[in-house]
Amino acid sequence: MALSVRLDTQLEKQLTRLSERLHLSKSEIVKRSLNEYLKSHPAEETPYSLGADLFGAVGSGRLDLSERRKEYVKAKIRAKNTR
C-alpha cells in the first residue's frame, strides 16, 4: 500500500541523513519506525475480547434454555412456592 506523508524540512533532512548512514531506504526507516510506534501503543481491547474467557463460564447445562426459558422459570417458581 502506498502512503504519502508530508514532512517538515528538518524532519526530512534527519530522515535523509539516517537513510544514508544506515544504508536503508527512507521507506524502510519509516516502516520500521511506524512498526515500533504501533507496538508501543497496542489497540484497545473490545468488550468481547475483555469478557471472552467469562462467556459461558456459568452455564446451566441446558442446551435449549433460549427456547424453553419460560417453562424453566415457571417450574422454578412452582418449586419455590410448594416448599
N, C-alpha and C. Protein backbone atom coordinates (compact mmCIF):
# COMPACT_ATOMS: atom_id res chain seq x y z
N MET A 1 0.84 -1.17 0.00
CA MET A 1 0.00 0.00 0.00
C MET A 1 0.89 1.24 0.00
N ALA A 2 0.59 2.15 -0.85
CA ALA A 2 1.35 3.40 -0.91
C ALA A 2 0.71 4.42 0.03
N LEU A 3 1.57 5.24 0.63
CA LEU A 3 1.11 6.27 1.56
C LEU A 3 1.99 7.50 1.38
N SER A 4 1.37 8.64 1.26
CA SER A 4 2.12 9.90 1.16
C SER A 4 2.10 10.59 2.51
N VAL A 5 3.26 11.09 2.90
CA VAL A 5 3.37 11.79 4.18
C VAL A 5 4.12 13.10 3.94
N ARG A 6 3.59 14.17 4.48
CA ARG A 6 4.27 15.47 4.36
C ARG A 6 5.13 15.69 5.60
N LEU A 7 6.42 15.92 5.37
CA LEU A 7 7.36 16.15 6.47
C LEU A 7 7.85 17.59 6.42
N ASP A 8 8.12 18.14 7.60
CA ASP A 8 8.73 19.47 7.59
C ASP A 8 10.19 19.31 7.16
N THR A 9 10.81 20.39 6.81
CA THR A 9 12.17 20.37 6.26
C THR A 9 13.16 19.70 7.20
N GLN A 10 13.10 20.04 8.46
CA GLN A 10 14.04 19.49 9.45
C GLN A 10 13.90 17.97 9.55
N LEU A 11 12.68 17.49 9.63
CA LEU A 11 12.45 16.04 9.75
C LEU A 11 12.89 15.31 8.49
N GLU A 12 12.67 15.91 7.35
CA GLU A 12 13.08 15.29 6.09
C GLU A 12 14.60 15.20 6.01
N LYS A 13 15.30 16.23 6.48
CA LYS A 13 16.77 16.20 6.49
C LYS A 13 17.29 15.11 7.43
N GLN A 14 16.66 14.99 8.59
CA GLN A 14 17.07 13.95 9.54
C GLN A 14 16.84 12.56 8.93
N LEU A 15 15.73 12.39 8.27
CA LEU A 15 15.42 11.11 7.65
C LEU A 15 16.42 10.79 6.55
N THR A 16 16.77 11.77 5.76
CA THR A 16 17.75 11.57 4.68
C THR A 16 19.11 11.18 5.25
N ARG A 17 19.56 11.88 6.29
CA ARG A 17 20.86 11.56 6.90
C ARG A 17 20.86 10.14 7.48
N LEU A 18 19.79 9.80 8.17
CA LEU A 18 19.70 8.46 8.76
C LEU A 18 19.68 7.39 7.67
N SER A 19 18.95 7.65 6.61
CA SER A 19 18.88 6.72 5.49
C SER A 19 20.26 6.47 4.89
N GLU A 20 21.02 7.53 4.71
CA GLU A 20 22.38 7.40 4.16
C GLU A 20 23.31 6.68 5.13
N ARG A 21 23.19 7.00 6.40
CA ARG A 21 24.07 6.40 7.40
C ARG A 21 23.81 4.90 7.56
N LEU A 22 22.54 4.50 7.53
CA LEU A 22 22.19 3.09 7.74
C LEU A 22 22.11 2.29 6.44
N HIS A 23 22.24 2.99 5.31
CA HIS A 23 22.12 2.34 4.00
C HIS A 23 20.76 1.64 3.86
N LEU A 24 19.74 2.35 4.31
CA LEU A 24 18.37 1.87 4.18
C LEU A 24 17.56 2.92 3.44
N SER A 25 16.52 2.47 2.77
CA SER A 25 15.65 3.45 2.09
C SER A 25 14.85 4.22 3.13
N LYS A 26 14.39 5.38 2.74
CA LYS A 26 13.55 6.18 3.64
C LYS A 26 12.27 5.40 3.97
N SER A 27 11.74 4.72 2.98
CA SER A 27 10.52 3.93 3.21
C SER A 27 10.75 2.86 4.26
N GLU A 28 11.91 2.21 4.20
CA GLU A 28 12.21 1.16 5.18
C GLU A 28 12.32 1.74 6.58
N ILE A 29 12.94 2.88 6.71
CA ILE A 29 13.07 3.52 8.03
C ILE A 29 11.69 3.91 8.56
N VAL A 30 10.86 4.47 7.70
CA VAL A 30 9.51 4.87 8.12
C VAL A 30 8.70 3.64 8.52
N LYS A 31 8.79 2.56 7.75
CA LYS A 31 8.06 1.33 8.09
C LYS A 31 8.50 0.77 9.43
N ARG A 32 9.82 0.72 9.65
CA ARG A 32 10.32 0.21 10.92
C ARG A 32 9.90 1.11 12.09
N SER A 33 9.98 2.40 11.87
CA SER A 33 9.59 3.35 12.93
C SER A 33 8.11 3.23 13.26
N LEU A 34 7.29 3.14 12.24
CA LEU A 34 5.85 3.01 12.45
C LEU A 34 5.52 1.70 13.15
N ASN A 35 6.21 0.65 12.78
CA ASN A 35 6.00 -0.65 13.42
C ASN A 35 6.32 -0.57 14.91
N GLU A 36 7.44 0.05 15.27
CA GLU A 36 7.81 0.21 16.68
C GLU A 36 6.79 1.07 17.43
N TYR A 37 6.33 2.12 16.80
CA TYR A 37 5.34 3.00 17.42
C TYR A 37 4.05 2.24 17.69
N LEU A 38 3.60 1.47 16.72
CA LEU A 38 2.36 0.71 16.89
C LEU A 38 2.49 -0.38 17.95
N LYS A 39 3.66 -0.96 18.09
CA LYS A 39 3.89 -1.96 19.15
C LYS A 39 3.77 -1.32 20.53
N SER A 40 4.22 -0.09 20.65
CA SER A 40 4.18 0.58 21.95
C SER A 40 2.81 1.18 22.27
N HIS A 41 1.91 1.16 21.31
CA HIS A 41 0.55 1.66 21.51
C HIS A 41 -0.44 0.60 21.03
N PRO A 42 -0.62 -0.47 21.82
CA PRO A 42 -1.50 -1.56 21.38
C PRO A 42 -2.93 -1.08 21.20
N ALA A 43 -3.64 -1.77 20.33
CA ALA A 43 -5.05 -1.44 20.08
C ALA A 43 -5.87 -1.68 21.33
N GLU A 44 -6.90 -0.88 21.51
CA GLU A 44 -7.78 -1.07 22.66
C GLU A 44 -8.54 -2.38 22.49
N GLU A 45 -8.76 -3.03 23.60
CA GLU A 45 -9.50 -4.28 23.54
C GLU A 45 -10.99 -4.01 23.39
N THR A 46 -11.65 -4.90 22.69
CA THR A 46 -13.09 -4.77 22.52
C THR A 46 -13.79 -5.33 23.75
N PRO A 47 -15.04 -4.94 23.98
CA PRO A 47 -15.78 -5.52 25.09
C PRO A 47 -15.82 -7.05 25.01
N TYR A 48 -15.94 -7.58 23.79
CA TYR A 48 -15.98 -9.04 23.64
C TYR A 48 -14.66 -9.66 24.08
N SER A 49 -13.54 -9.11 23.62
CA SER A 49 -12.25 -9.72 23.97
C SER A 49 -11.97 -9.63 25.47
N LEU A 50 -12.47 -8.58 26.12
CA LEU A 50 -12.28 -8.45 27.56
C LEU A 50 -13.04 -9.52 28.35
N GLY A 51 -14.20 -9.93 27.85
CA GLY A 51 -15.01 -10.89 28.59
C GLY A 51 -15.06 -12.27 27.97
N ALA A 52 -14.29 -12.51 26.91
CA ALA A 52 -14.36 -13.77 26.18
C ALA A 52 -14.14 -14.99 27.08
N ASP A 53 -13.23 -14.89 28.04
CA ASP A 53 -12.95 -16.03 28.91
C ASP A 53 -14.06 -16.26 29.93
N LEU A 54 -14.98 -15.30 30.06
CA LEU A 54 -16.07 -15.44 31.03
C LEU A 54 -17.37 -15.91 30.40
N PHE A 55 -17.52 -15.72 29.11
CA PHE A 55 -18.76 -16.09 28.44
C PHE A 55 -18.98 -17.60 28.54
N GLY A 56 -20.14 -17.97 29.05
CA GLY A 56 -20.46 -19.39 29.18
C GLY A 56 -19.84 -20.04 30.39
N ALA A 57 -19.16 -19.27 31.23
CA ALA A 57 -18.48 -19.84 32.39
C ALA A 57 -19.46 -20.36 33.43
N VAL A 58 -20.65 -19.80 33.47
CA VAL A 58 -21.65 -20.21 34.45
C VAL A 58 -22.85 -20.73 33.68
N GLY A 59 -22.65 -21.82 32.98
CA GLY A 59 -23.72 -22.37 32.16
C GLY A 59 -24.71 -23.18 32.98
N SER A 60 -25.93 -23.27 32.49
CA SER A 60 -26.96 -24.03 33.18
C SER A 60 -26.89 -25.51 32.80
N GLY A 61 -26.19 -25.79 31.72
CA GLY A 61 -26.13 -27.16 31.24
C GLY A 61 -27.29 -27.50 30.32
N ARG A 62 -28.24 -26.59 30.21
CA ARG A 62 -29.40 -26.81 29.35
C ARG A 62 -29.13 -26.20 27.99
N LEU A 63 -29.23 -27.02 26.96
CA LEU A 63 -28.93 -26.55 25.62
C LEU A 63 -30.10 -25.83 24.97
N ASP A 64 -31.30 -25.99 25.54
CA ASP A 64 -32.50 -25.38 24.96
C ASP A 64 -33.02 -24.21 25.79
N LEU A 65 -32.18 -23.61 26.58
CA LEU A 65 -32.61 -22.57 27.51
C LEU A 65 -33.25 -21.37 26.80
N SER A 66 -32.73 -20.99 25.67
CA SER A 66 -33.30 -19.83 24.98
C SER A 66 -34.69 -20.13 24.43
N GLU A 67 -34.98 -21.38 24.14
CA GLU A 67 -36.28 -21.75 23.59
C GLU A 67 -37.31 -22.04 24.68
N ARG A 68 -36.85 -22.59 25.80
CA ARG A 68 -37.79 -23.03 26.83
C ARG A 68 -37.64 -22.27 28.15
N ARG A 69 -37.11 -21.06 28.08
CA ARG A 69 -36.83 -20.30 29.29
C ARG A 69 -38.07 -20.08 30.15
N LYS A 70 -39.23 -19.80 29.52
CA LYS A 70 -40.45 -19.55 30.29
C LYS A 70 -40.86 -20.78 31.09
N GLU A 71 -40.74 -21.95 30.48
CA GLU A 71 -41.09 -23.19 31.19
C GLU A 71 -40.19 -23.37 32.41
N TYR A 72 -38.90 -23.13 32.23
CA TYR A 72 -37.95 -23.31 33.33
C TYR A 72 -38.21 -22.31 34.47
N VAL A 73 -38.55 -21.08 34.12
CA VAL A 73 -38.85 -20.07 35.15
C VAL A 73 -40.11 -20.45 35.91
N LYS A 74 -41.14 -20.87 35.19
CA LYS A 74 -42.39 -21.29 35.84
C LYS A 74 -42.15 -22.46 36.78
N ALA A 75 -41.36 -23.42 36.34
CA ALA A 75 -41.06 -24.59 37.18
C ALA A 75 -40.31 -24.17 38.44
N LYS A 76 -39.37 -23.25 38.30
CA LYS A 76 -38.62 -22.76 39.47
C LYS A 76 -39.55 -22.08 40.46
N ILE A 77 -40.46 -21.25 39.95
CA ILE A 77 -41.40 -20.53 40.82
C ILE A 77 -42.32 -21.52 41.52
N ARG A 78 -42.84 -22.50 40.76
CA ARG A 78 -43.71 -23.53 41.36
C ARG A 78 -42.98 -24.28 42.46
N ALA A 79 -41.75 -24.66 42.19
CA ALA A 79 -40.97 -25.42 43.18
C ALA A 79 -40.72 -24.58 44.43
N LYS A 80 -40.48 -23.31 44.26
CA LYS A 80 -40.23 -22.42 45.39
C LYS A 80 -41.50 -22.25 46.23
N ASN A 81 -42.65 -22.15 45.57
CA ASN A 81 -43.92 -21.93 46.27
C ASN A 81 -44.48 -23.18 46.93
N THR A 82 -44.04 -24.35 46.53
CA THR A 82 -44.56 -25.59 47.12
C THR A 82 -43.75 -26.05 48.32
N ARG A 83 -42.76 -25.33 48.70
CA ARG A 83 -41.93 -25.71 49.86
C ARG A 83 -42.66 -25.56 51.14
